[in-house]
Protein backbone atom coordinates (compact mmCIF):
# COMPACT_ATOMS: atom_id res chain seq x y z
CA UNK A 1 112.88 103.94 119.61
CA UNK A 2 113.67 107.41 120.97
CA UNK A 3 115.06 106.40 124.33
CA UNK A 4 112.18 104.13 125.19
CA UNK A 5 112.89 100.72 126.60
CA UNK A 6 110.68 97.78 125.73
CA UNK A 7 109.24 96.28 128.89
CA UNK A 8 107.07 93.19 128.97
CA UNK A 9 104.17 93.13 131.39
CA UNK A 10 102.32 90.12 132.72
CA UNK A 11 98.94 90.89 131.17
CA UNK A 12 97.12 90.86 127.84
CA UNK A 13 96.09 93.56 125.41
CA UNK A 14 92.34 93.30 126.15
CA UNK A 15 92.88 93.75 129.89
CA UNK A 16 95.06 96.80 129.25
CA UNK A 17 92.61 98.25 126.70
CA UNK A 18 89.77 97.92 129.22
CA UNK A 19 91.91 99.69 131.85
CA UNK A 20 92.41 102.57 129.41
CA UNK A 21 88.68 102.76 128.63
CA UNK A 22 87.85 102.80 132.37
CA UNK A 23 90.36 105.62 132.85
CA UNK A 24 88.80 107.59 129.98
CA UNK A 25 85.29 107.11 131.38
CA UNK A 26 86.50 108.28 134.80
CA UNK A 27 88.44 111.29 133.51
CA UNK A 28 86.16 112.58 130.71
CA UNK A 29 82.60 113.80 130.43
CA UNK A 30 82.00 112.18 127.06
CA UNK A 31 83.46 109.19 125.25
CA UNK A 32 82.99 108.83 121.49
CA UNK A 33 84.22 105.91 119.39
CA UNK A 34 85.45 107.04 115.96
CA UNK A 35 84.00 104.20 113.90
CA UNK A 36 85.23 103.39 110.39
CA UNK A 37 83.52 100.03 109.95
CA UNK A 38 86.90 98.30 110.04
CA UNK A 39 88.10 95.62 112.42
CA UNK A 40 90.13 97.99 114.59
CA UNK A 41 87.28 100.38 115.30
CA UNK A 42 84.92 97.42 115.81
CA UNK A 43 87.38 95.98 118.36
CA UNK A 44 87.48 99.36 120.11
CA UNK A 45 83.68 99.54 120.13
CA UNK A 46 83.40 96.02 121.59
CA UNK A 47 85.95 96.77 124.34
CA UNK A 48 83.96 99.88 125.27
CA UNK A 49 80.77 97.80 125.31
CA UNK A 50 82.37 95.27 127.66
CA UNK A 51 83.40 98.04 130.06
CA UNK A 52 79.93 99.65 129.87
CA UNK A 53 78.35 96.26 130.62
CA UNK A 54 80.73 95.61 133.54
CA UNK A 55 79.95 99.02 135.01
CA UNK A 56 76.21 98.81 134.41
CA UNK A 57 76.25 101.78 132.03
CA UNK A 58 73.05 101.45 130.01
CA UNK A 59 73.25 104.51 127.79
CA UNK A 60 74.16 103.73 124.17
CA UNK A 61 77.79 104.12 123.19
CA UNK A 62 78.34 107.30 121.20
CA UNK A 63 79.95 106.54 117.85
CA UNK A 64 80.90 108.72 114.94
CA UNK A 65 81.36 107.71 111.33
CA UNK A 66 82.95 110.09 108.81
CA UNK A 67 81.64 108.85 105.49
CA UNK A 68 84.51 109.25 103.03
CA UNK A 69 82.25 108.85 99.97
CA UNK A 70 84.58 106.48 98.11
CA UNK A 71 83.99 103.49 100.37
CA UNK A 72 82.57 100.18 99.16
CA UNK A 73 78.87 99.47 99.58
CA UNK A 74 79.75 96.54 101.87
CA UNK A 75 81.30 99.00 104.33
CA UNK A 76 78.27 101.30 104.08
CA UNK A 77 76.03 98.30 104.83
CA UNK A 78 78.18 97.17 107.77
CA UNK A 79 78.28 100.64 109.34
CA UNK A 80 74.51 100.95 108.91
CA UNK A 81 74.12 97.55 110.61
CA UNK A 82 76.29 98.75 113.50
CA UNK A 83 74.34 102.02 113.73
CA UNK A 84 71.12 100.02 114.09
CA UNK A 85 72.37 98.08 117.15
CA UNK A 86 70.36 99.09 120.24
CA UNK A 87 73.50 99.77 122.31
CA UNK A 88 75.02 102.14 119.71
CA UNK A 89 74.21 105.81 119.07
CA UNK A 90 76.02 106.61 115.82
CA UNK A 91 76.32 109.97 114.07
CA UNK A 92 76.98 109.50 110.36
CA UNK A 93 78.66 112.53 108.79
CA UNK A 94 78.82 113.16 105.04
CA UNK A 95 80.27 116.62 104.55
CA UNK A 96 83.15 118.13 102.56
CA UNK A 97 86.40 116.82 103.98
CA UNK A 98 89.94 117.05 102.64
CA UNK A 99 91.21 113.69 101.45
CA UNK A 100 93.77 112.19 99.11
CA UNK A 101 94.24 109.17 96.92
CA UNK A 102 97.28 107.48 95.42
CA UNK A 103 97.52 107.17 91.63
CA UNK A 104 100.53 106.47 89.43
CA UNK A 105 103.03 106.96 92.27
CA UNK A 106 101.51 110.32 93.13
CA UNK A 107 99.32 111.45 96.03
CA UNK A 108 96.40 113.47 94.68
CA UNK A 109 94.24 115.69 96.90
CA UNK A 110 90.47 115.65 96.58
CA UNK A 111 87.48 116.78 98.60
CA UNK A 112 85.09 114.12 99.82
CA UNK A 113 81.44 115.07 99.16
CA UNK A 114 82.57 118.09 97.13
CA UNK A 115 79.39 119.96 96.13
CA UNK A 116 81.13 121.03 92.91
CA UNK A 117 81.32 117.56 91.34
CA UNK A 118 79.23 114.44 90.82
CA UNK A 119 79.55 112.09 93.81
CA UNK A 120 80.73 108.51 93.58
CA UNK A 121 77.52 107.41 95.31
CA UNK A 122 74.56 109.26 96.81
CA UNK A 123 74.71 110.52 100.38
CA UNK A 124 72.73 108.29 102.71
CA UNK A 125 69.42 109.85 103.77
CA UNK A 126 70.36 109.47 107.43
CA UNK A 127 73.76 111.21 107.14
CA UNK A 128 74.35 114.56 108.79
CA UNK A 129 75.44 117.11 106.21
CA UNK A 130 77.42 120.32 106.36
CA UNK A 131 74.17 122.26 106.82
CA UNK A 132 72.96 119.93 109.61
CA UNK A 133 76.25 120.45 111.44
CA UNK A 134 76.14 124.24 111.11
CA UNK A 135 79.27 124.37 108.96
CA UNK A 136 79.13 127.36 106.58
CA UNK A 137 79.02 126.76 102.82
CA UNK A 138 82.48 126.72 101.27
CA UNK A 139 84.20 125.45 104.43
CA UNK A 140 86.08 122.20 103.91
CA UNK A 141 87.12 120.38 107.05
CA UNK A 142 90.27 118.38 107.55
CA UNK A 143 90.70 115.51 110.00
CA UNK A 144 91.63 117.79 112.90
CA UNK A 145 88.98 120.48 112.40
CA UNK A 146 86.44 117.68 111.96
CA UNK A 147 87.44 116.32 115.39
CA UNK A 148 87.01 119.82 116.85
CA UNK A 149 83.51 120.14 115.39
CA UNK A 150 82.57 116.74 116.84
CA UNK A 151 83.98 117.58 120.27
CA UNK A 152 82.15 120.93 120.28
CA UNK A 153 78.83 119.06 119.87
CA UNK A 154 79.27 117.68 123.41
CA UNK A 155 79.71 119.21 126.85
CA UNK A 156 82.82 119.04 128.95
CA UNK A 157 85.96 117.04 128.36
CA UNK A 158 85.52 114.85 125.27
CA UNK A 159 87.58 111.77 124.36
CA UNK A 160 87.42 110.43 120.80
CA UNK A 161 88.71 106.84 120.70
CA UNK A 162 90.31 105.54 117.50
CA UNK A 163 91.01 101.89 116.79
CA UNK A 164 94.56 101.57 115.49
CA UNK A 165 96.93 98.70 114.83
CA UNK A 166 100.36 99.05 116.41
CA UNK A 167 102.02 99.11 113.00
CA UNK A 168 100.01 102.28 112.20
CA UNK A 169 100.98 104.22 115.31
CA UNK A 170 104.30 105.53 113.97
CA UNK A 171 102.72 106.98 110.83
CA UNK A 172 99.32 107.97 112.26
CA UNK A 173 99.96 111.72 112.21
CA UNK A 174 102.30 112.00 109.24
């Protein structure tokens, strides 16, 4: 583990997560929850909500959903449900984004919401598109440039929170 020593602390993961969220609120101008509709991002969103409630912060929590086009309708429905909560302010993006899929032991690249092919499902009416975001035609974002575009939409120091299981941390940026 690269010279790190495992140390056990006398606390729980929720307490520590809330400490981190408080630190981010105190040290950043803007906090955004990257929301996928999965259990990890929902847990992150709920921890942020608890801290907002404890601190008396009444503004909606900024969330951001990158619609990957090939997601099941149940996920679309769940994210829409979350977006409709009164304490959530969710931006739903559906724009060309580099992606990949695994088929026959091979990783294949593809572009989500590629304007040059028929889409797996229609874009939701409420989704922000490439044009809405001021991204020139022909530009395809990747995960990192997408984060930069999101951060640039806000003033000051921006923190984008991702929900992630510990078993994903080692391979998160591979």
